[in-house]
Amino acid sequence: MTPTIWDELATREPIDPATLALILADQRTWSRRWLYPVLRPACNLLVALAVVARRLVPGRLTAHATMDALCVWFLRRCVSPAAGALLVRHFVVETNLLACIARNAGGPEVSLRPRSLAELGDRAVIVHDVNVYDVLGALGRQVVPPPGGLDTTMLAVGPIDAEPGTRRWLRLDIQSALCLMNIPFALCLSAEEYRRAVQSLRLDAHLLAALADLTGDPVYRTWAPAGVAVRVDSRLEVPRAVYEHAVICEYAHERLLRTTPPPATVRRTADAVGVPR
């Protein structure tokens, strides 16, 4: 039998196997294959118009509660349980990475670890972005490993309730979902908040550098996005960048688990995503 690209990815990608299986299954859905290529340019245009409109509106009018409610409703009714679980999981995984850096290098504690779709409705998007700036902003230029070895007790990912029993009108893949969710983000956040959220994606290189310094492992730096972080412009395709950012975080999280094994009480994520496989 001739190997496929999916066979190769399932073998080579440095991601927790069960999570990787969900990602690959999501990539093979009808919506990812047929709908996403249409949604991508259409949503990018709508977001560009929304960003321009928001900048023309005086003041800092926001609609955070509306944004949260729309996103939770959308995830429950139009996004597949697997894609919803992967989205919730990303909030936990990145919080774990930030918490590891903060615990071992000094910095503010972060605890944003939603366990369900409903918990994404409590300003999770805004808090998530602020946590990145707070933790990385507290670091000096040189991150020194702790003398007693890394504390990795914060790397647990518990069960995630993606509400697989909820009746859905559509079962969109995660990339199609990110394209559509970017529209209310651009409309409901202030221009400054949206810009801050988008530019936080450029800080992946700093996060990976901190992990490389803490562990002495140069592999983390190889996953840094191409280009330089010292550039703030609007030419970033947000849904695609968010997806790639989430995959990079999965790489880093899994490597931390493999190379600095946590205590036995810290659960790996293999059976923690609450959707059928």
C-alpha atoms as a PDB file:
ATOM      1  CA  MET A   1       0.000   0.000   0.000  1.00  0.00           C
ATOM      2  CA  THR A   2       1.459   3.382  -1.024  1.00  0.00           C
ATOM      3  CA  PRO A   3       2.005   5.714   1.962  1.00  0.00           C
ATOM      4  CA  THR A   4       0.065   8.992   1.974  1.00  0.00           C
ATOM      5  CA  ILE A   5       0.924  12.413   3.326  1.00  0.00           C
ATOM      6  CA  TRP A   6      -1.341  11.625   6.279  1.00  0.00           C
ATOM      7  CA  ASP A   7       0.670   8.504   7.108  1.00  0.00           C
ATOM      8  CA  GLU A   8       3.878  10.543   7.054  1.00  0.00           C
ATOM      9  CA  LEU A   9       2.453  13.335   9.250  1.00  0.00           C
ATOM     10  CA  ALA A  10       1.046  10.827  11.738  1.00  0.00           C
ATOM     11  CA  THR A  11       4.526   9.325  12.091  1.00  0.00           C
ATOM     12  CA  ARG A  12       6.719  12.433  12.126  1.00  0.00           C
ATOM     13  CA  GLU A  13       4.862  15.312  13.794  1.00  0.00           C
ATOM     14  CA  PRO A  14       6.148  15.861  17.375  1.00  0.00           C
ATOM     15  CA  ILE A  15       2.674  16.181  18.902  1.00  0.00           C
ATOM     16  CA  ASP A  16       0.850  14.083  21.460  1.00  0.00           C
ATOM     17  CA  PRO A  17      -0.434  11.131  19.347  1.00  0.00           C
ATOM     18  CA  ALA A  18      -4.103  11.368  20.307  1.00  0.00           C
ATOM     19  CA  THR A  19      -4.157  15.112  19.721  1.00  0.00           C
ATOM     20  CA  LEU A  20      -2.339  14.668  16.417  1.00  0.00           C
ATOM     21  CA  ALA A  21      -4.968  12.143  15.346  1.00  0.00           C
ATOM     22  CA  LEU A  22      -7.670  14.758  15.974  1.00  0.00           C
ATOM     23  CA  ILE A  23      -5.729  17.389  14.019  1.00  0.00           C
ATOM     24  CA  LEU A  24      -5.193  15.105  11.014  1.00  0.00           C
ATOM     25  CA  ALA A  25      -8.832  13.996  11.017  1.00  0.00           C
ATOM     26  CA  ASP A  26      -9.877  17.648  11.147  1.00  0.00           C
ATOM     27  CA  GLN A  27      -7.614  18.421   8.159  1.00  0.00           C
ATOM     28  CA  ARG A  28      -9.353  15.717   6.128  1.00  0.00           C
ATOM     29  CA  THR A  29     -12.930  16.951   6.634  1.00  0.00           C
ATOM     30  CA  TRP A  30     -15.095  18.184   3.756  1.00  0.00           C
ATOM     31  CA  SER A  31     -15.170  21.742   5.107  1.00  0.00           C
ATOM     32  CA  ARG A  32     -11.372  21.966   5.280  1.00  0.00           C
ATOM     33  CA  ARG A  33     -11.043  20.649   1.746  1.00  0.00           C
ATOM     34  CA  TRP A  34     -13.858  22.511  -0.017  1.00  0.00           C
ATOM     35  CA  LEU A  35     -15.184  25.336   2.168  1.00  0.00           C
ATOM     36  CA  TYR A  36     -12.026  26.746   3.741  1.00  0.00           C
ATOM     37  CA  PRO A  37     -10.431  27.845   0.421  1.00  0.00           C
ATOM     38  CA  VAL A  38     -13.565  29.930  -0.262  1.00  0.00           C
ATOM     39  CA  LEU A  39     -13.989  31.253   3.268  1.00  0.00           C
ATOM     40  CA  ARG A  40     -10.360  32.296   3.608  1.00  0.00           C
ATOM     41  CA  PRO A  41     -10.287  35.202   1.107  1.00  0.00           C
ATOM     42  CA  ALA A  42     -13.896  36.209   1.811  1.00  0.00           C
ATOM     43  CA  CYS A  43     -13.357  36.433   5.569  1.00  0.00           C
ATOM     44  CA  ASN A  44     -10.023  38.219   5.145  1.00  0.00           C
ATOM     45  CA  LEU A  45     -11.793  40.904   3.097  1.00  0.00           C
ATOM     46  CA  LEU A  46     -14.598  41.275   5.644  1.00  0.00           C
ATOM     47  CA  VAL A  47     -12.106  41.549   8.496  1.00  0.00           C
ATOM     48  CA  ALA A  48     -10.089  44.186   6.616  1.00  0.00           C
ATOM     49  CA  LEU A  49     -13.260  46.244   6.156  1.00  0.00           C
ATOM     50  CA  ALA A  50     -14.166  45.761   9.822  1.00  0.00           C
ATOM     51  CA  VAL A  51     -10.722  46.894  10.963  1.00  0.00           C
ATOM     52  CA  VAL A  52     -10.932  50.032   8.842  1.00  0.00           C
ATOM     53  CA  ALA A  53     -14.436  50.765  10.128  1.00  0.00           C
ATOM     54  CA  ARG A  54     -13.355  50.309  13.744  1.00  0.00           C
ATOM     55  CA  ARG A  55     -10.480  52.734  13.302  1.00  0.00           C
ATOM     56  CA  LEU A  56     -12.885  55.347  11.978  1.00  0.00           C
ATOM     57  CA  VAL A  57     -15.168  55.023  15.005  1.00  0.00           C
ATOM     58  CA  PRO A  58     -14.187  57.517  17.708  1.00  0.00           C
ATOM     59  CA  GLY A  59     -13.520  56.268  21.232  1.00  0.00           C
ATOM     60  CA  ARG A  60     -13.094  52.682  22.424  1.00  0.00           C
ATOM     61  CA  LEU A  61     -16.504  51.155  21.822  1.00  0.00           C
ATOM     62  CA  THR A  62     -16.396  47.439  22.545  1.00  0.00           C
ATOM     63  CA  ALA A  63     -18.826  44.549  22.772  1.00  0.00           C
ATOM     64  CA  HIS A  64     -16.931  41.887  24.708  1.00  0.00           C
ATOM     65  CA  ALA A  65     -20.017  40.105  26.053  1.00  0.00           C
ATOM     66  CA  THR A  66     -21.557  39.964  22.581  1.00  0.00           C
ATOM     67  CA  MET A  67     -18.329  38.589  21.113  1.00  0.00           C
ATOM     68  CA  ASP A  68     -18.095  35.885  23.775  1.00  0.00           C
ATOM     69  CA  ALA A  69     -21.742  34.883  23.369  1.00  0.00           C
ATOM     70  CA  LEU A  70     -21.490  34.715  19.575  1.00  0.00           C
ATOM     71  CA  CYS A  71     -18.354  32.596  19.682  1.00  0.00           C
ATOM     72  CA  VAL A  72     -19.710  30.096  22.198  1.00  0.00           C
ATOM     73  CA  TRP A  73     -22.973  29.782  20.244  1.00  0.00           C
ATOM     74  CA  PHE A  74     -21.023  29.309  17.004  1.00  0.00           C
ATOM     75  CA  LEU A  75     -18.792  26.627  18.522  1.00  0.00           C
ATOM     76  CA  ARG A  76     -21.800  24.747  19.860  1.00  0.00           C
ATOM     77  CA  ARG A  77     -23.894  24.871  16.696  1.00  0.00           C
ATOM     78  CA  CYS A  78     -21.529  25.127  13.723  1.00  0.00           C
ATOM     79  CA  VAL A  79     -18.137  23.626  14.662  1.00  0.00           C
ATOM     80  CA  SER A  80     -17.305  19.952  15.042  1.00  0.00           C
ATOM     81  CA  PRO A  81     -16.716  18.675  18.592  1.00  0.00           C
ATOM     82  CA  ALA A  82     -13.146  17.695  17.626  1.00  0.00           C
ATOM     83  CA  ALA A  83     -12.350  21.194  16.354  1.00  0.00           C
ATOM     84  CA  GLY A  84     -13.971  22.739  19.428  1.00  0.00           C
ATOM     85  CA  ALA A  85     -11.916  20.523  21.702  1.00  0.00           C
ATOM     86  CA  LEU A  86      -8.719  21.461  19.880  1.00  0.00           C
ATOM     87  CA  LEU A  87      -9.534  25.144  20.301  1.00  0.00           C
ATOM     88  CA  VAL A  88     -10.201  24.812  24.035  1.00  0.00           C
ATOM     89  CA  ARG A  89      -7.071  22.700  24.374  1.00  0.00           C
ATOM     90  CA  HIS A  90      -4.928  25.445  22.869  1.00  0.00           C
ATOM     91  CA  PHE A  91      -5.866  27.829  25.675  1.00  0.00           C
ATOM     92  CA  VAL A  92      -4.727  25.226  28.202  1.00  0.00           C
ATOM     93  CA  VAL A  93      -1.528  24.289  26.350  1.00  0.00           C
ATOM     94  CA  GLU A  94      -0.326  27.864  25.934  1.00  0.00           C
ATOM     95  CA  THR A  95      -1.189  28.668  29.546  1.00  0.00           C
ATOM     96  CA  ASN A  96       0.895  25.651  30.581  1.00  0.00           C
ATOM     97  CA  LEU A  97       3.871  26.948  28.582  1.00  0.00           C
ATOM     98  CA  LEU A  98       3.542  30.432  30.047  1.00  0.00           C
ATOM     99  CA  ALA A  99       3.118  29.007  33.553  1.00  0.00           C
ATOM    100  CA  CYS A 100       6.265  26.901  33.128  1.00  0.00           C
ATOM    101  CA  ILE A 101       8.250  29.971  32.108  1.00  0.00           C
ATOM    102  CA  ALA A 102       6.798  32.081  34.914  1.00  0.00           C
ATOM    103  CA  ARG A 103       7.402  29.423  37.587  1.00  0.00           C
ATOM    104  CA  ASN A 104      10.994  28.758  36.548  1.00  0.00           C
ATOM    105  CA  ALA A 105      12.159  32.189  35.400  1.00  0.00           C
ATOM    106  CA  GLY A 106      10.071  34.439  37.609  1.00  0.00           C
ATOM    107  CA  GLY A 107       6.916  36.105  36.454  1.00  0.00           C
ATOM    108  CA  PRO A 108       3.189  36.450  37.125  1.00  0.00           C
ATOM    109  CA  GLU A 109       1.244  33.247  37.618  1.00  0.00           C
ATOM    110  CA  VAL A 110      -1.345  32.488  34.913  1.00  0.00           C
ATOM    111  CA  SER A 111      -4.251  30.114  35.307  1.00  0.00           C
ATOM    112  CA  LEU A 112      -6.474  30.377  32.224  1.00  0.00           C
ATOM    113  CA  ARG A 113      -7.362  26.709  31.688  1.00  0.00           C
ATOM    114  CA  PRO A 114     -10.899  26.368  30.325  1.00  0.00           C
ATOM    115  CA  ARG A 115     -12.384  22.886  30.348  1.00  0.00           C
ATOM    116  CA  SER A 116     -15.458  23.471  28.182  1.00  0.00           C
ATOM    117  CA  LEU A 117     -16.846  25.558  25.353  1.00  0.00           C
ATOM    118  CA  ALA A 118     -18.874  27.574  27.862  1.00  0.00           C
ATOM    119  CA  GLU A 119     -15.723  28.679  29.695  1.00  0.00           C
ATOM    120  CA  LEU A 120     -14.475  30.380  26.537  1.00  0.00           C
ATOM    121  CA  GLY A 121     -17.280  32.879  27.070  1.00  0.00           C
ATOM    122  CA  ASP A 122     -15.692  34.467  30.124  1.00  0.00           C
ATOM    123  CA  ARG A 123     -13.341  36.939  28.365  1.00  0.00           C
ATOM    124  CA  ALA A 124     -10.974  34.044  27.642  1.00  0.00           C
ATOM    125  CA  VAL A 125      -9.681  35.514  24.369  1.00  0.00           C
ATOM    126  CA  ILE A 126      -8.715  38.830  25.970  1.00  0.00           C
ATOM    127  CA  VAL A 127      -7.186  37.254  29.087  1.00  0.00           C
ATOM    128  CA  HIS A 128      -5.265  34.786  26.912  1.00  0.00           C
ATOM    129  CA  ASP A 129      -3.549  37.571  24.981  1.00  0.00           C
ATOM    130  CA  VAL A 130      -2.852  39.696  28.059  1.00  0.00           C
ATOM    131  CA  ASN A 131      -1.202  36.710  29.769  1.00  0.00           C
ATOM    132  CA  VAL A 132       1.308  36.417  26.911  1.00  0.00           C
ATOM    133  CA  TYR A 133       2.371  40.041  27.291  1.00  0.00           C
ATOM    134  CA  ASP A 134       2.461  39.863  31.106  1.00  0.00           C
ATOM    135  CA  VAL A 135       4.631  36.738  31.342  1.00  0.00           C
ATOM    136  CA  LEU A 136       7.045  37.524  28.523  1.00  0.00           C
ATOM    137  CA  GLY A 137       7.219  41.175  29.535  1.00  0.00           C
ATOM    138  CA  ALA A 138       8.412  40.196  33.011  1.00  0.00           C
ATOM    139  CA  LEU A 139      11.449  38.345  31.641  1.00  0.00           C
ATOM    140  CA  GLY A 140      14.854  39.898  31.253  1.00  0.00           C
ATOM    141  CA  ARG A 141      16.938  39.515  28.124  1.00  0.00           C
ATOM    142  CA  GLN A 142      18.659  36.453  29.578  1.00  0.00           C
ATOM    143  CA  VAL A 143      16.591  33.626  31.051  1.00  0.00           C
ATOM    144  CA  VAL A 144      18.608  31.550  33.515  1.00  0.00           C
ATOM    145  CA  PRO A 145      17.629  27.925  34.271  1.00  0.00           C
ATOM    146  CA  PRO A 146      16.700  27.323  37.928  1.00  0.00           C
ATOM    147  CA  PRO A 147      19.493  25.600  39.874  1.00  0.00           C
ATOM    148  CA  GLY A 148      17.268  22.797  41.127  1.00  0.00           C
ATOM    149  CA  GLY A 149      15.957  21.787  37.715  1.00  0.00           C
ATOM    150  CA  LEU A 150      12.731  22.678  35.972  1.00  0.00           C
ATOM    151  CA  ASP A 151       9.389  22.538  37.745  1.00  0.00           C
ATOM    152  CA  THR A 152       6.995  21.021  35.194  1.00  0.00           C
ATOM    153  CA  THR A 153       4.126  20.178  37.521  1.00  0.00           C
ATOM    154  CA  MET A 154       1.867  22.618  35.672  1.00  0.00           C
ATOM    155  CA  LEU A 155       1.803  20.698  32.379  1.00  0.00           C
ATOM    156  CA  ALA A 156      -1.401  18.742  32.977  1.00  0.00           C
ATOM    157  CA  VAL A 157      -4.249  18.943  30.479  1.00  0.00           C
ATOM    158  CA  GLY A 158      -7.448  17.592  31.957  1.00  0.00           C
ATOM    159  CA  PRO A 159     -10.620  16.372  30.221  1.00  0.00           C
ATOM    160  CA  ILE A 160     -12.241  18.815  27.808  1.00  0.00           C
ATOM    161  CA  ASP A 161     -16.002  18.966  27.293  1.00  0.00           C
ATOM    162  CA  ALA A 162     -16.654  19.942  23.669  1.00  0.00           C
ATOM    163  CA  GLU A 163     -20.345  19.033  24.044  1.00  0.00           C
ATOM    164  CA  PRO A 164     -20.350  16.189  21.505  1.00  0.00           C
ATOM    165  CA  GLY A 165     -24.020  15.542  22.306  1.00  0.00           C
ATOM    166  CA  THR A 166     -25.162  19.033  21.309  1.00  0.00           C
ATOM    167  CA  ARG A 167     -27.101  19.123  18.045  1.00  0.00           C
ATOM    168  CA  ARG A 168     -25.084  20.938  15.378  1.00  0.00           C
ATOM    169  CA  TRP A 169     -26.203  22.471  12.101  1.00  0.00           C
ATOM    170  CA  LEU A 170     -22.679  22.264  10.693  1.00  0.00           C
ATOM    171  CA  ARG A 171     -19.470  20.536  11.743  1.00  0.00           C
ATOM    172  CA  LEU A 172     -16.792  22.912  10.514  1.00  0.00           C
ATOM    173  CA  ASP A 173     -13.080  22.257  10.792  1.00  0.00           C
ATOM    174  CA  ILE A 174     -10.942  24.420  13.043  1.00  0.00           C
ATOM    175  CA  GLN A 175      -9.415  26.554  10.260  1.00  0.00           C
ATOM    176  CA  SER A 176     -12.798  27.398   8.752  1.00  0.00           C
ATOM    177  CA  ALA A 177     -14.022  28.200  12.261  1.00  0.00           C
ATOM    178  CA  LEU A 178     -11.078  30.518  12.912  1.00  0.00           C
ATOM    179  CA  CYS A 179     -11.788  32.397   9.675  1.00  0.00           C
ATOM    180  CA  LEU A 180     -15.397  33.054  10.642  1.00  0.00           C
ATOM    181  CA  MET A 181     -14.653  33.826  14.313  1.00  0.00           C
ATOM    182  CA  ASN A 182     -12.123  36.444  13.291  1.00  0.00           C
ATOM    183  CA  ILE A 183     -14.981  38.617  12.001  1.00  0.00           C
ATOM    184  CA  PRO A 184     -16.704  39.218  15.384  1.00  0.00           C
ATOM    185  CA  PHE A 185     -13.275  39.632  16.988  1.00  0.00           C
ATOM    186  CA  ALA A 186     -12.502  42.491  14.599  1.00  0.00           C
ATOM    187  CA  LEU A 187     -15.948  44.050  15.093  1.00  0.00           C
ATOM    188  CA  CYS A 188     -16.361  43.654  18.866  1.00  0.00           C
ATOM    189  CA  LEU A 189     -12.847  44.484  20.092  1.00  0.00           C
ATOM    190  CA  SER A 190     -11.532  48.008  20.044  1.00  0.00           C
ATOM    191  CA  ALA A 191      -8.950  48.753  17.352  1.00  0.00           C
ATOM    192  CA  GLU A 192      -6.238  48.734  20.012  1.00  0.00           C
ATOM    193  CA  GLU A 193      -7.387  45.428  21.549  1.00  0.00           C
ATOM    194  CA  TYR A 194      -7.572  43.728  18.157  1.00  0.00           C
ATOM    195  CA  ARG A 195      -4.131  45.014  17.185  1.00  0.00           C
ATOM    196  CA  ARG A 196      -2.692  43.799  20.504  1.00  0.00           C
ATOM    197  CA  ALA A 197      -4.219  40.340  19.993  1.00  0.00           C
ATOM    198  CA  VAL A 198      -2.916  40.046  16.438  1.00  0.00           C
ATOM    199  CA  GLN A 199       0.584  41.229  17.270  1.00  0.00           C
ATOM    200  CA  SER A 200       0.829  38.823  20.217  1.00  0.00           C
ATOM    201  CA  LEU A 201       1.311  36.111  17.590  1.00  0.00           C
ATOM    202  CA  ARG A 202       4.676  37.675  16.745  1.00  0.00           C
ATOM    203  CA  LEU A 203       5.889  36.843  20.257  1.00  0.00           C
ATOM    204  CA  ASP A 204       6.158  33.103  19.578  1.00  0.00           C
ATOM    205  CA  ALA A 205       9.881  33.539  18.916  1.00  0.00           C
ATOM    206  CA  HIS A 206      10.315  35.095  22.370  1.00  0.00           C
ATOM    207  CA  LEU A 207       8.325  32.325  24.059  1.00  0.00           C
ATOM    208  CA  LEU A 208      10.347  29.625  22.309  1.00  0.00           C
ATOM    209  CA  ALA A 209      13.617  31.395  23.111  1.00  0.00           C
ATOM    210  CA  ALA A 210      12.665  31.450  26.807  1.00  0.00           C
ATOM    211  CA  LEU A 211      11.952  27.704  26.726  1.00  0.00           C
ATOM    212  CA  ALA A 212      15.265  27.075  24.943  1.00  0.00           C
ATOM    213  CA  ASP A 213      17.144  29.049  27.593  1.00  0.00           C
ATOM    214  CA  LEU A 214      15.359  27.298  30.470  1.00  0.00           C
ATOM    215  CA  THR A 215      15.906  23.798  29.111  1.00  0.00           C
ATOM    216  CA  GLY A 216      19.222  24.288  27.304  1.00  0.00           C
ATOM    217  CA  ASP A 217      17.526  22.720  24.287  1.00  0.00           C
ATOM    218  CA  PRO A 218      18.063  24.618  20.994  1.00  0.00           C
ATOM    219  CA  VAL A 219      15.289  22.702  19.225  1.00  0.00           C
ATOM    220  CA  TYR A 220      12.667  25.135  20.544  1.00  0.00           C
ATOM    221  CA  ARG A 221      14.223  27.978  18.559  1.00  0.00           C
ATOM    222  CA  THR A 222      13.885  26.022  15.306  1.00  0.00           C
ATOM    223  CA  TRP A 223      10.102  26.302  15.536  1.00  0.00           C
ATOM    224  CA  ALA A 224      10.107  30.104  15.621  1.00  0.00           C
ATOM    225  CA  PRO A 225       8.051  31.607  12.777  1.00  0.00           C
ATOM    226  CA  ALA A 226       9.978  32.974   9.826  1.00  0.00           C
ATOM    227  CA  GLY A 227      10.724  36.682   9.761  1.00  0.00           C
ATOM    228  CA  VAL A 228      11.428  39.078  12.589  1.00  0.00           C
ATOM    229  CA  ALA A 229       9.266  40.023  15.543  1.00  0.00           C
ATOM    230  CA  VAL A 230      10.396  43.657  15.475  1.00  0.00           C
ATOM    231  CA  ARG A 231       7.748  44.547  12.931  1.00  0.00           C
ATOM    232  CA  VAL A 232       4.219  45.699  13.678  1.00  0.00           C
ATOM    233  CA  ASP A 233       2.080  45.822  10.573  1.00  0.00           C
ATOM    234  CA  SER A 234      -1.314  44.672   9.381  1.00  0.00           C
ATOM    235  CA  ARG A 235      -0.202  42.165   6.764  1.00  0.00           C
ATOM    236  CA  LEU A 236      -0.699  39.156   9.014  1.00  0.00           C
ATOM    237  CA  GLU A 237      -3.312  36.624   7.959  1.00  0.00           C
ATOM    238  CA  VAL A 238      -4.775  36.064  11.396  1.00  0.00           C
ATOM    239  CA  PRO A 239      -6.638  32.710  11.095  1.00  0.00           C
ATOM    240  CA  ARG A 240      -3.687  31.014   9.405  1.00  0.00           C
ATOM    241  CA  ALA A 241      -1.235  32.554  11.900  1.00  0.00           C
ATOM    242  CA  VAL A 242      -3.392  31.428  14.843  1.00  0.00           C
ATOM    243  CA  TYR A 243      -3.522  27.875  13.519  1.00  0.00           C
ATOM    244  CA  GLU A 244       0.249  27.723  13.001  1.00  0.00           C
ATOM    245  CA  HIS A 245       0.773  29.316  16.432  1.00  0.00           C
ATOM    246  CA  ALA A 246      -1.375  26.593  18.019  1.00  0.00           C
ATOM    247  CA  VAL A 247       0.615  23.838  16.298  1.00  0.00           C
ATOM    248  CA  ILE A 248       3.904  25.386  17.448  1.00  0.00           C
ATOM    249  CA  CYS A 249       2.609  25.448  21.017  1.00  0.00           C
ATOM    250  CA  GLU A 250       1.726  21.752  20.690  1.00  0.00           C
ATOM    251  CA  TYR A 251       5.296  21.033  19.546  1.00  0.00           C
ATOM    252  CA  ALA A 252       6.763  22.869  22.536  1.00  0.00           C
ATOM    253  CA  HIS A 253       4.349  21.340  25.050  1.00  0.00           C
ATOM    254  CA  GLU A 254       5.013  17.796  23.888  1.00  0.00           C
ATOM    255  CA  ARG A 255       8.791  18.320  23.901  1.00  0.00           C
ATOM    256  CA  LEU A 256       8.637  19.597  27.472  1.00  0.00           C
ATOM    257  CA  LEU A 257       6.744  16.462  28.463  1.00  0.00           C
ATOM    258  CA  ARG A 258       9.168  14.172  26.641  1.00  0.00           C
ATOM    259  CA  THR A 259      12.466  15.751  27.668  1.00  0.00           C
ATOM    260  CA  THR A 260      11.633  16.951  31.191  1.00  0.00           C
ATOM    261  CA  PRO A 261       9.245  14.265  32.440  1.00  0.00           C
ATOM    262  CA  PRO A 262       6.816  15.633  35.021  1.00  0.00           C
ATOM    263  CA  PRO A 263       5.784  13.729  38.149  1.00  0.00           C
ATOM    264  CA  ALA A 264       3.482  10.774  37.694  1.00  0.00           C
ATOM    265  CA  THR A 265       0.545  12.850  38.933  1.00  0.00           C
ATOM    266  CA  VAL A 266       0.721  15.066  35.844  1.00  0.00           C
ATOM    267  CA  ARG A 267      -1.493  13.550  33.183  1.00  0.00           C
ATOM    268  CA  ARG A 268      -0.547  13.479  29.550  1.00  0.00           C
ATOM    269  CA  THR A 269      -3.254  14.488  27.151  1.00  0.00           C
ATOM    270  CA  ALA A 270      -3.728  11.270  25.222  1.00  0.00           C
ATOM    271  CA  ASP A 271      -7.202  10.580  26.650  1.00  0.00           C
ATOM    272  CA  ALA A 272      -8.076  14.039  27.879  1.00  0.00           C
ATOM    273  CA  VAL A 273      -9.978  15.377  24.863  1.00  0.00           C
ATOM    274  CA  GLY A 274     -13.616  14.637  25.491  1.00  0.00           C
ATOM    275  CA  VAL A 275     -14.740  13.813  21.953  1.00  0.00           C
ATOM    276  CA  PRO A 276     -15.076  10.431  20.228  1.00  0.00           C
ATOM    277  CA  ARG A 277     -12.203   9.334  18.024  1.00  0.00           C
END
